[in-house]
């Protein structure tokens, strides 16, 4: 009897302490680990009996083809092995999990999902702000700046929703993103960039939408990063300004 299966495992933003207990149990039971490039490589220490195969996928870099990753999952699961596909952040957000789920189900391979913390949440936690705030907005929109046809989302329409915007994979297009958002939002709209959110390499920038592109470029910020835009992010501005006032007073 073939007991092979696949687990799509969310590795979170990088801090292994943020993994769920369910994730740790799945890794401990894994026969094969397919390791995403953005996941903390030390996560393999939690899978002592597994064969580790690195299947890096990074925008603008040489990447393992998606179809090949799906074939690997099917190949090893068909041999009766427990395959854990480790994805950075949350597996269900911009991780192409939908394609992998469809392929595995077509092949009649059992698959389960372990949720995790996306970098958008890690970025907000690092800044000490809430992505929603009843005085500022009633929602948050998670959006990728890269569409399949290489086009861009309708930034003006997204700005008009009044939600906090958590923009993934947008650093290479930050100028056009800002221009699109500024067609609807004022220059003074709060904005931030958090690079490598939730890791020991993390860098933060808190500014306004009118200065976002120039400030991010001047700071040398790049991918992987999350761009946060909206009035709720203004709480971070207030926090940093208060910190600066206290530092000057001291």
Protein backbone atom coordinates (compact mmCIF):
# COMPACT_ATOMS: atom_id res chain seq x y z
CA UNK A 1 0.00 0.00 0.00
CA UNK A 2 1.39 3.41 -0.99
CA UNK A 3 1.30 5.81 1.96
CA UNK A 4 3.13 8.60 0.18
CA UNK A 5 1.91 12.14 0.62
CA UNK A 6 2.97 15.77 0.28
CA UNK A 7 2.85 18.51 2.89
CA UNK A 8 2.96 22.12 1.72
CA UNK A 9 4.71 23.67 4.69
CA UNK A 10 4.86 27.37 5.49
CA UNK A 11 8.33 28.27 6.79
CA UNK A 12 7.37 31.79 7.85
CA UNK A 13 9.55 34.87 7.34
CA UNK A 14 12.78 33.31 8.60
CA UNK A 15 12.75 33.15 12.40
CA UNK A 16 12.47 29.45 13.22
CA UNK A 17 10.79 30.34 16.53
CA UNK A 18 7.78 31.44 14.46
CA UNK A 19 7.20 27.96 13.03
CA UNK A 20 4.08 26.22 14.26
CA UNK A 21 4.25 23.02 16.29
CA UNK A 22 2.48 21.32 13.39
CA UNK A 23 5.28 22.44 11.05
CA UNK A 24 7.95 21.05 13.37
CA UNK A 25 6.13 17.70 13.55
CA UNK A 26 5.84 17.49 9.77
CA UNK A 27 9.54 18.21 9.30
CA UNK A 28 10.49 15.59 11.87
CA UNK A 29 8.48 13.00 9.94
CA UNK A 30 9.69 14.02 6.47
CA UNK A 31 11.48 11.61 4.14
CA UNK A 32 12.19 14.29 1.53
CA UNK A 33 12.37 18.07 1.99
CA UNK A 34 12.09 20.35 -1.04
CA UNK A 35 13.58 23.59 0.29
CA UNK A 36 12.54 26.99 -1.01
CA UNK A 37 15.29 29.58 -1.53
CA UNK A 38 13.67 32.19 0.74
CA UNK A 39 13.24 29.84 3.70
CA UNK A 40 15.78 29.85 6.52
CA UNK A 41 18.23 27.10 5.50
CA UNK A 42 18.61 26.10 9.16
CA UNK A 43 15.09 24.69 9.01
CA UNK A 44 16.60 21.42 7.75
CA UNK A 45 17.91 20.79 11.28
CA UNK A 46 14.30 19.97 12.17
CA UNK A 47 14.21 17.24 9.50
CA UNK A 48 17.09 14.97 10.59
CA UNK A 49 15.99 11.91 8.59
CA UNK A 50 15.09 13.65 5.35
CA UNK A 51 16.85 13.95 2.05
CA UNK A 52 17.09 17.69 1.33
CA UNK A 53 16.68 18.99 -2.22
CA UNK A 54 17.06 22.72 -2.78
CA UNK A 55 14.54 24.08 -5.27
CA UNK A 56 15.22 27.80 -5.20
CA UNK A 57 12.77 30.22 -6.79
CA UNK A 58 13.72 33.91 -6.73
CA UNK A 59 12.42 36.70 -8.92
CA UNK A 60 15.06 37.86 -11.39
CA UNK A 61 17.40 34.98 -10.52
CA UNK A 62 18.03 31.54 -11.93
CA UNK A 63 15.24 29.41 -10.52
CA UNK A 64 14.12 25.81 -10.43
CA UNK A 65 11.24 25.48 -12.94
CA UNK A 66 7.84 25.10 -11.31
CA UNK A 67 6.95 22.06 -13.45
CA UNK A 68 10.13 20.30 -12.29
CA UNK A 69 9.28 20.93 -8.63
CA UNK A 70 5.84 19.42 -9.17
CA UNK A 71 7.35 16.37 -10.86
CA UNK A 72 9.72 15.89 -7.90
CA UNK A 73 6.83 15.96 -5.43
CA UNK A 74 4.89 13.41 -7.46
CA UNK A 75 7.92 11.18 -8.02
CA UNK A 76 8.86 10.81 -4.37
CA UNK A 77 5.31 10.65 -3.03
CA UNK A 78 4.55 7.91 -5.57
CA UNK A 79 7.32 5.87 -3.96
CA UNK A 80 5.48 5.97 -0.63
CA UNK A 81 7.54 8.81 0.87
CA UNK A 82 6.42 11.81 2.90
CA UNK A 83 7.49 14.87 0.90
CA UNK A 84 7.56 18.24 2.68
CA UNK A 85 7.59 21.18 0.29
CA UNK A 86 9.01 24.03 2.38
CA UNK A 87 7.86 27.48 1.27
CA UNK A 88 8.93 30.85 2.66
CA UNK A 89 6.21 32.88 4.36
CA UNK A 90 2.76 31.33 4.09
CA UNK A 91 2.40 28.64 1.44
CA UNK A 92 -0.98 29.97 0.32
CA UNK A 93 0.14 33.52 -0.45
CA UNK A 94 2.07 34.12 -3.69
CA UNK A 95 3.74 30.72 -3.40
CA UNK A 96 2.04 29.05 -6.42
CA UNK A 97 0.42 26.58 -4.05
CA UNK A 98 -2.69 26.51 -6.21
CA UNK A 99 -0.74 25.01 -9.11
CA UNK A 100 0.93 22.45 -6.87
CA UNK A 101 -2.34 21.44 -5.22
CA UNK A 102 -4.00 20.97 -8.59
CA UNK A 103 -1.12 18.85 -9.93
CA UNK A 104 -1.00 16.63 -6.86
CA UNK A 105 -4.75 16.10 -6.84
CA UNK A 106 -4.73 15.19 -10.52
CA UNK A 107 -2.09 12.59 -9.67
CA UNK A 108 -4.28 11.41 -6.75
CA UNK A 109 -1.52 12.12 -4.24
CA UNK A 110 -2.72 13.09 -0.74
CA UNK A 111 -1.67 16.61 0.23
CA UNK A 112 -2.06 18.72 3.33
CA UNK A 113 -1.19 22.30 4.18
CA UNK A 114 0.55 23.84 7.19
CA UNK A 115 -0.09 27.56 7.52
CA UNK A 116 2.52 30.06 8.59
CA UNK A 117 3.34 33.75 8.93
CA UNK A 118 3.63 35.76 5.74
CA UNK A 119 6.30 38.45 5.42
CA UNK A 120 3.56 41.10 5.29
CA UNK A 121 2.59 40.27 8.86
CA UNK A 122 6.23 40.03 9.90
CA UNK A 123 6.87 43.48 8.41
CA UNK A 124 3.96 45.02 10.31
CA UNK A 125 5.08 43.37 13.55
CA UNK A 126 8.60 44.71 13.06
CA UNK A 127 7.23 48.23 12.62
CA UNK A 128 4.97 47.80 15.64
CA UNK A 129 1.79 48.62 13.72
CA UNK A 130 -1.50 46.95 12.90
CA UNK A 131 -2.37 46.40 9.25
CA UNK A 132 -5.96 47.34 10.10
CA UNK A 133 -7.08 50.13 12.41
CA UNK A 134 -10.66 51.22 13.01
CA UNK A 135 -9.62 54.88 12.92
CA UNK A 136 -7.88 54.52 9.57
CA UNK A 137 -9.03 51.51 7.55
CA UNK A 138 -11.13 48.38 7.76
CA UNK A 139 -9.09 46.02 5.66
CA UNK A 140 -5.81 45.04 4.11
CA UNK A 141 -5.04 44.06 0.53
CA UNK A 142 -2.17 41.68 -0.23
CA UNK A 143 -0.98 42.18 -3.79
CA UNK A 144 1.95 41.11 -5.92
CA UNK A 145 3.49 43.68 -8.27
CA UNK A 146 4.29 40.99 -10.84
CA UNK A 147 1.47 39.55 -12.94
CA UNK A 148 1.74 36.50 -15.16
CA UNK A 149 1.58 38.62 -18.32
CA UNK A 150 4.36 40.87 -16.94
CA UNK A 151 1.86 43.69 -16.56
CA UNK A 152 1.01 45.53 -13.36
CA UNK A 153 -2.08 45.76 -11.19
CA UNK A 154 -4.36 48.80 -11.39
CA UNK A 155 -2.61 50.77 -8.65
CA UNK A 156 -5.09 53.64 -8.78
CA UNK A 157 -8.01 51.27 -8.22
CA UNK A 158 -6.19 49.53 -5.38
CA UNK A 159 -5.44 52.87 -3.75
CA UNK A 160 -9.12 53.78 -3.97
CA UNK A 161 -10.11 50.77 -1.81
CA UNK A 162 -8.96 52.62 1.30
CA UNK A 163 -7.29 49.48 2.62
CA UNK A 164 -3.72 49.06 3.78
CA UNK A 165 -1.72 47.80 0.81
CA UNK A 166 0.86 45.09 1.44
CA UNK A 167 2.80 44.91 -1.83
CA UNK A 168 5.03 41.93 -2.50
CA UNK A 169 7.77 41.67 -5.13
CA UNK A 170 7.55 45.37 -5.91
CA UNK A 171 11.01 46.80 -5.35
CA UNK A 172 12.06 46.60 -9.01
CA UNK A 173 8.92 48.60 -9.91
CA UNK A 174 8.74 50.95 -6.97
CA UNK A 175 8.77 54.07 -9.17
CA UNK A 176 5.75 53.00 -11.23
CA UNK A 177 3.97 51.68 -8.14
CA UNK A 178 4.32 55.05 -6.41
CA UNK A 179 3.24 56.93 -9.52
CA UNK A 180 0.13 54.78 -9.84
CA UNK A 181 -0.81 55.10 -6.18
CA UNK A 182 -0.20 58.86 -6.19
CA UNK A 183 -2.84 59.28 -8.87
CA UNK A 184 -5.33 58.56 -6.07
CA UNK A 185 -3.54 59.04 -2.75
CA UNK A 186 -1.92 62.22 -1.36
CA UNK A 187 1.85 62.64 -1.14
CA UNK A 188 1.62 62.55 2.66
CA UNK A 189 0.17 58.99 2.79
CA UNK A 190 2.21 56.88 5.19
CA UNK A 191 4.41 54.23 3.62
CA UNK A 192 7.15 51.82 4.65
CA UNK A 193 9.50 49.19 3.28
CA UNK A 194 10.74 46.22 5.27
CA UNK A 195 13.45 44.15 3.63
CA UNK A 196 14.14 40.61 4.84
CA UNK A 197 11.26 40.96 7.32
CA UNK A 198 11.52 38.65 10.31
CA UNK A 199 15.19 37.75 9.81
CA UNK A 200 18.45 38.92 11.33
CA UNK A 201 19.14 40.78 8.06
CA UNK A 202 16.02 42.93 8.39
CA UNK A 203 16.10 46.59 7.33
CA UNK A 204 13.25 49.11 7.76
CA UNK A 205 12.27 52.40 6.17
CA UNK A 206 9.34 54.53 7.34
CA UNK A 207 8.44 57.48 5.11
CA UNK A 208 5.61 58.93 3.00
CA UNK A 209 4.31 57.81 -0.36
CA UNK A 210 5.65 60.97 -1.99
CA UNK A 211 9.19 60.15 -0.83
CA UNK A 212 9.00 56.37 -0.89
CA UNK A 213 10.78 55.62 -4.17
CA UNK A 214 13.59 58.14 -3.59
CA UNK A 215 14.10 57.18 0.06
CA UNK A 216 14.15 53.44 -0.69
CA UNK A 217 16.68 53.95 -3.46
CA UNK A 218 18.85 56.19 -1.27
CA UNK A 219 18.75 53.56 1.50
CA UNK A 220 19.80 50.84 -0.93
CA UNK A 221 16.77 48.69 -0.16
CA UNK A 222 15.93 45.85 -2.51
CA UNK A 223 14.33 42.43 -2.71
CA UNK A 224 13.02 40.54 -0.89
CA UNK A 225 10.93 43.27 0.69
CA UNK A 226 7.36 44.20 1.47
CA UNK A 227 6.02 47.68 0.73
CA UNK A 228 3.27 48.86 3.09
CA UNK A 229 1.09 51.84 2.20
CA UNK A 230 -1.87 53.35 4.03
CA UNK A 231 -3.01 55.49 6.89
CA UNK A 232 -2.62 52.67 9.43
CA UNK A 233 1.10 52.67 8.68
CA UNK A 234 1.15 56.25 9.97
CA UNK A 235 1.19 54.73 13.44
CA UNK A 236 4.76 53.68 12.65
CA UNK A 237 5.64 57.27 11.71
CA UNK A 238 4.28 58.48 15.04
CA UNK A 239 6.18 55.78 16.89
CA UNK A 240 9.50 56.57 15.21
CA UNK A 241 9.04 60.32 15.65
CA UNK A 242 8.34 59.83 19.35
CA UNK A 243 11.46 57.67 19.63
CA UNK A 244 13.54 60.38 17.91
CA UNK A 245 12.12 63.08 20.24
CA UNK A 246 13.04 61.01 23.29
CA UNK A 247 16.52 60.36 21.90
CA UNK A 248 17.07 64.11 21.32
CA UNK A 249 15.77 64.92 24.81
CA UNK A 250 18.21 62.42 26.31
